[in-house]
PDB file of N, CA and C in Angstrom:
ATOM      1  N   MET A   1      -4.421  -1.687   0.541  1.00  0.00           N
ATOM      2  CA  MET A   1      -4.268  -0.873  -0.818  1.00  0.00           C
ATOM      3  C   MET A   1      -5.242  -0.219  -1.263  1.00  0.00           C
ATOM      4  N   GLN A   2      -6.496  -0.770  -1.136  1.00  0.00           N
ATOM      5  CA  GLN A   2      -7.441  -0.478  -2.142  1.00  0.00           C
ATOM      6  C   GLN A   2      -8.087   0.667  -1.086  1.00  0.00           C
ATOM      7  N   THR A   3      -8.329   2.126  -1.617  1.00  0.00           N
ATOM      8  CA  THR A   3      -8.896   3.119  -0.710  1.00  0.00           C
ATOM      9  C   THR A   3     -10.162   3.160  -0.438  1.00  0.00           C
ATOM     10  N   ASN A   4     -10.973   4.052  -0.113  1.00  0.00           N
ATOM     11  CA  ASN A   4     -12.398   4.327   0.210  1.00  0.00           C
ATOM     12  C   ASN A   4     -13.203   4.182  -1.021  1.00  0.00           C
ATOM     13  N   ASP A   5     -12.833   4.472  -2.022  1.00  0.00           N
ATOM     14  CA  ASP A   5     -13.358   4.262  -3.637  1.00  0.00           C
ATOM     15  C   ASP A   5     -12.966   3.018  -4.049  1.00  0.00           C
ATOM     16  N   ALA A   6     -13.720   2.018  -4.219  1.00  0.00           N
ATOM     17  CA  ALA A   6     -13.297   0.710  -4.930  1.00  0.00           C
ATOM     18  C   ALA A   6     -12.608   0.796  -6.088  1.00  0.00           C
ATOM     19  N   SER A   7     -12.788   1.553  -6.998  1.00  0.00           N
ATOM     20  CA  SER A   7     -11.974   1.682  -8.044  1.00  0.00           C
ATOM     21  C   SER A   7     -10.596   2.545  -8.245  1.00  0.00           C
ATOM     22  N   ILE A   8     -10.065   2.639  -6.890  1.00  0.00           N
ATOM     23  CA  ILE A   8      -8.995   3.422  -6.863  1.00  0.00           C
ATOM     24  C   ILE A   8      -8.072   2.879  -6.020  1.00  0.00           C
ATOM     25  N   TRP A   9      -6.957   2.066  -6.233  1.00  0.00           N
ATOM     26  CA  TRP A   9      -5.799   1.544  -5.503  1.00  0.00           C
ATOM     27  C   TRP A   9      -4.566   2.258  -5.062  1.00  0.00           C
ATOM     28  N   ALA A  10      -3.813   2.337  -4.033  1.00  0.00           N
ATOM     29  CA  ALA A  10      -2.692   3.298  -3.839  1.00  0.00           C
ATOM     30  C   ALA A  10      -1.799   2.501  -3.381  1.00  0.00           C
ATOM     31  N   VAL A  11      -0.356   2.263  -4.187  1.00  0.00           N
ATOM     32  CA  VAL A  11       0.738   1.699  -3.891  1.00  0.00           C
ATOM     33  C   VAL A  11       1.904   2.489  -3.782  1.00  0.00           C
ATOM     34  N   GLY A  12       2.721   1.878  -3.140  1.00  0.00           N
ATOM     35  CA  GLY A  12       4.496   2.290  -3.345  1.00  0.00           C
ATOM     36  C   GLY A  12       4.461   3.299  -2.524  1.00  0.00           C
ATOM     37  N   ASP A  13       5.046   4.714  -2.881  1.00  0.00           N
ATOM     38  CA  ASP A  13       5.038   6.021  -2.003  1.00  0.00           C
ATOM     39  C   ASP A  13       4.027   6.589  -1.739  1.00  0.00           C
ATOM     40  N   VAL A  14       3.013   6.317  -2.270  1.00  0.00           N
ATOM     41  CA  VAL A  14       1.799   7.195  -2.190  1.00  0.00           C
ATOM     42  C   VAL A  14       1.188   6.662  -0.901  1.00  0.00           C
ATOM     43  N   VAL A  15       1.362   5.691  -0.428  1.00  0.00           N
ATOM     44  CA  VAL A  15       0.497   5.095   0.864  1.00  0.00           C
ATOM     45  C   VAL A  15       1.464   5.235   2.268  1.00  0.00           C
ATOM     46  N   GLU A  16       0.335   5.058   3.163  1.00  0.00           N
ATOM     47  CA  GLU A  16       0.871   5.299   4.478  1.00  0.00           C
ATOM     48  C   GLU A  16       0.787   3.717   5.107  1.00  0.00           C
ATOM     49  N   VAL A  17       1.759   3.470   6.096  1.00  0.00           N
ATOM     50  CA  VAL A  17       1.393   1.971   6.667  1.00  0.00           C
ATOM     51  C   VAL A  17       1.552   2.655   8.325  1.00  0.00           C
ATOM     52  N   GLN A  18       1.106   1.739   8.911  1.00  0.00           N
ATOM     53  CA  GLN A  18       0.979   1.753  10.320  1.00  0.00           C
ATOM     54  C   GLN A  18       1.559   0.711  11.040  1.00  0.00           C
ATOM     55  N   ASP A  19       2.205   1.173  12.123  1.00  0.00           N
ATOM     56  CA  ASP A  19       3.384   0.886  12.883  1.00  0.00           C
ATOM     57  C   ASP A  19       2.598   0.108  13.664  1.00  0.00           C
ATOM     58  N   LEU A  20       2.900  -1.289  13.798  1.00  0.00           N
ATOM     59  CA  LEU A  20       2.275  -2.122  14.791  1.00  0.00           C
ATOM     60  C   LEU A  20       2.199  -1.846  16.489  1.00  0.00           C
ATOM     61  N   ILE A  21       3.294  -1.382  16.790  1.00  0.00           N
ATOM     62  CA  ILE A  21       3.679  -1.148  18.046  1.00  0.00           C
ATOM     63  C   ILE A  21       3.011   0.199  18.463  1.00  0.00           C
ATOM     64  N   THR A  22       3.171   1.680  17.947  1.00  0.00           N
ATOM     65  CA  THR A  22       2.864   2.655  18.185  1.00  0.00           C
ATOM     66  C   THR A  22       1.657   2.881  17.873  1.00  0.00           C
ATOM     67  N   GLN A  23       0.833   2.256  16.750  1.00  0.00           N
ATOM     68  CA  GLN A  23      -0.367   2.520  15.743  1.00  0.00           C
ATOM     69  C   GLN A  23      -0.105   3.700  15.123  1.00  0.00           C
ATOM     70  N   GLN A  24       0.876   4.354  15.222  1.00  0.00           N
ATOM     71  CA  GLN A  24       1.008   5.651  14.272  1.00  0.00           C
ATOM     72  C   GLN A  24       1.162   5.398  12.821  1.00  0.00           C
ATOM     73  N   ARG A  25       0.661   6.252  11.876  1.00  0.00           N
ATOM     74  CA  ARG A  25       0.950   6.006  10.753  1.00  0.00           C
ATOM     75  C   ARG A  25       1.920   6.591   9.784  1.00  0.00           C
ATOM     76  N   PHE A  26       2.693   6.085   9.014  1.00  0.00           N
ATOM     77  CA  PHE A  26       4.039   6.893   8.638  1.00  0.00           C
ATOM     78  C   PHE A  26       3.913   6.351   7.031  1.00  0.00           C
ATOM     79  N   SER A  27       4.988   7.296   6.202  1.00  0.00           N
ATOM     80  CA  SER A  27       5.032   7.199   4.886  1.00  0.00           C
ATOM     81  C   SER A  27       6.308   6.284   5.017  1.00  0.00           C
ATOM     82  N   LEU A  28       6.510   5.217   3.760  1.00  0.00           N
ATOM     83  CA  LEU A  28       7.615   4.222   3.827  1.00  0.00           C
ATOM     84  C   LEU A  28       7.971   4.307   2.501  1.00  0.00           C
ATOM     85  N   PRO A  29       8.896   5.293   2.053  1.00  0.00           N
ATOM     86  CA  PRO A  29       9.169   5.145   0.580  1.00  0.00           C
ATOM     87  C   PRO A  29      10.295   4.589   0.243  1.00  0.00           C
ATOM     88  N   LEU A  30      10.408   3.098   0.288  1.00  0.00           N
ATOM     89  CA  LEU A  30      11.272   2.107   0.018  1.00  0.00           C
ATOM     90  C   LEU A  30      10.917   1.469  -1.329  1.00  0.00           C
ATOM     91  N   ALA A  31      11.968   1.257  -2.559  1.00  0.00           N
ATOM     92  CA  ALA A  31      11.910   0.485  -3.451  1.00  0.00           C
ATOM     93  C   ALA A  31      11.058  -0.794  -3.712  1.00  0.00           C
ATOM     94  N   GLY A  32      11.881  -1.634  -2.480  1.00  0.00           N
ATOM     95  CA  GLY A  32      11.581  -2.960  -2.519  1.00  0.00           C
ATOM     96  C   GLY A  32      10.031  -2.945  -1.847  1.00  0.00           C
ATOM     97  N   GLN A  33       9.646  -2.273  -0.939  1.00  0.00           N
ATOM     98  CA  GLN A  33       8.176  -2.355  -0.513  1.00  0.00           C
ATOM     99  C   GLN A  33       7.283  -1.758  -1.610  1.00  0.00           C
ATOM    100  N   ALA A  34       7.723  -0.902  -2.347  1.00  0.00           N
ATOM    101  CA  ALA A  34       6.670  -0.380  -3.379  1.00  0.00           C
ATOM    102  C   ALA A  34       6.680  -1.430  -4.529  1.00  0.00           C
ATOM    103  N   ASN A  35       7.627  -2.044  -5.094  1.00  0.00           N
ATOM    104  CA  ASN A  35       7.550  -2.994  -5.979  1.00  0.00           C
ATOM    105  C   ASN A  35       6.546  -4.268  -5.251  1.00  0.00           C
ATOM    106  N   ARG A  36       6.740  -4.798  -4.156  1.00  0.00           N
ATOM    107  CA  ARG A  36       6.029  -5.799  -3.251  1.00  0.00           C
ATOM    108  C   ARG A  36       4.648  -5.277  -3.247  1.00  0.00           C
ATOM    109  N   GLN A  37       4.254  -4.224  -2.715  1.00  0.00           N
ATOM    110  CA  GLN A  37       2.868  -3.357  -2.951  1.00  0.00           C
ATOM    111  C   GLN A  37       2.312  -3.597  -4.294  1.00  0.00           C
ATOM    112  N   GLY A  38       2.687  -3.099  -5.245  1.00  0.00           N
ATOM    113  CA  GLY A  38       2.593  -3.440  -6.588  1.00  0.00           C
ATOM    114  C   GLY A  38       2.011  -4.681  -7.068  1.00  0.00           C
ATOM    115  N   ARG A  39       2.886  -5.450  -6.663  1.00  0.00           N
ATOM    116  CA  ARG A  39       2.362  -6.946  -7.314  1.00  0.00           C
ATOM    117  C   ARG A  39       1.225  -7.422  -6.399  1.00  0.00           C
ATOM    118  N   ILE A  40       1.227  -7.101  -5.082  1.00  0.00           N
ATOM    119  CA  ILE A  40      -0.119  -7.500  -4.178  1.00  0.00           C
ATOM    120  C   ILE A  40      -1.061  -7.000  -4.702  1.00  0.00           C
ATOM    121  N   ALA A  41      -1.403  -5.561  -5.371  1.00  0.00           N
ATOM    122  CA  ALA A  41      -2.432  -4.965  -5.693  1.00  0.00           C
ATOM    123  C   ALA A  41      -2.825  -5.446  -6.876  1.00  0.00           C
ATOM    124  N   ALA A  42      -1.971  -5.743  -7.710  1.00  0.00           N
ATOM    125  CA  ALA A  42      -2.104  -5.969  -9.077  1.00  0.00           C
ATOM    126  C   ALA A  42      -2.702  -7.633  -9.009  1.00  0.00           C
ATOM    127  N   SER A  43      -2.366  -8.215  -8.116  1.00  0.00           N
ATOM    128  CA  SER A  43      -2.940  -9.788  -8.146  1.00  0.00           C
ATOM    129  C   SER A  43      -4.244  -9.566  -7.238  1.00  0.00           C
ATOM    130  N   SER A  44      -4.420  -8.612  -6.499  1.00  0.00           N
ATOM    131  CA  SER A  44      -5.785  -8.509  -5.862  1.00  0.00           C
ATOM    132  C   SER A  44      -7.011  -7.939  -7.225  1.00  0.00           C
ATOM    133  N   VAL A  45      -6.536  -6.957  -7.851  1.00  0.00           N
ATOM    134  CA  VAL A  45      -7.365  -6.435  -8.612  1.00  0.00           C
ATOM    135  C   VAL A  45      -7.499  -7.447  -9.894  1.00  0.00           C
ATOM    136  N   LEU A  46      -6.975  -8.301 -10.100  1.00  0.00           N
ATOM    137  CA  LEU A  46      -7.297  -9.674 -11.139  1.00  0.00           C
ATOM    138  C   LEU A  46      -8.150 -10.357 -10.591  1.00  0.00           C
ATOM    139  N   GLU A  47      -8.256 -10.588  -9.289  1.00  0.00           N
ATOM    140  CA  GLU A  47      -9.313 -11.764  -8.594  1.00  0.00           C
ATOM    141  C   GLU A  47     -10.497 -11.583  -8.771  1.00  0.00           C
TER     142      GLU A  47
END
């Protein structure tokens, strides 16, 4: 979730994920996933 700029993080509907089978990148705008990504990013920032 950390971008190539160490001070910028992207979570939720602004990120792309990579399909593990096809290796293609795609947007996954789901509220549950966005919430989880936000919590993970916040936890990582605070470490």
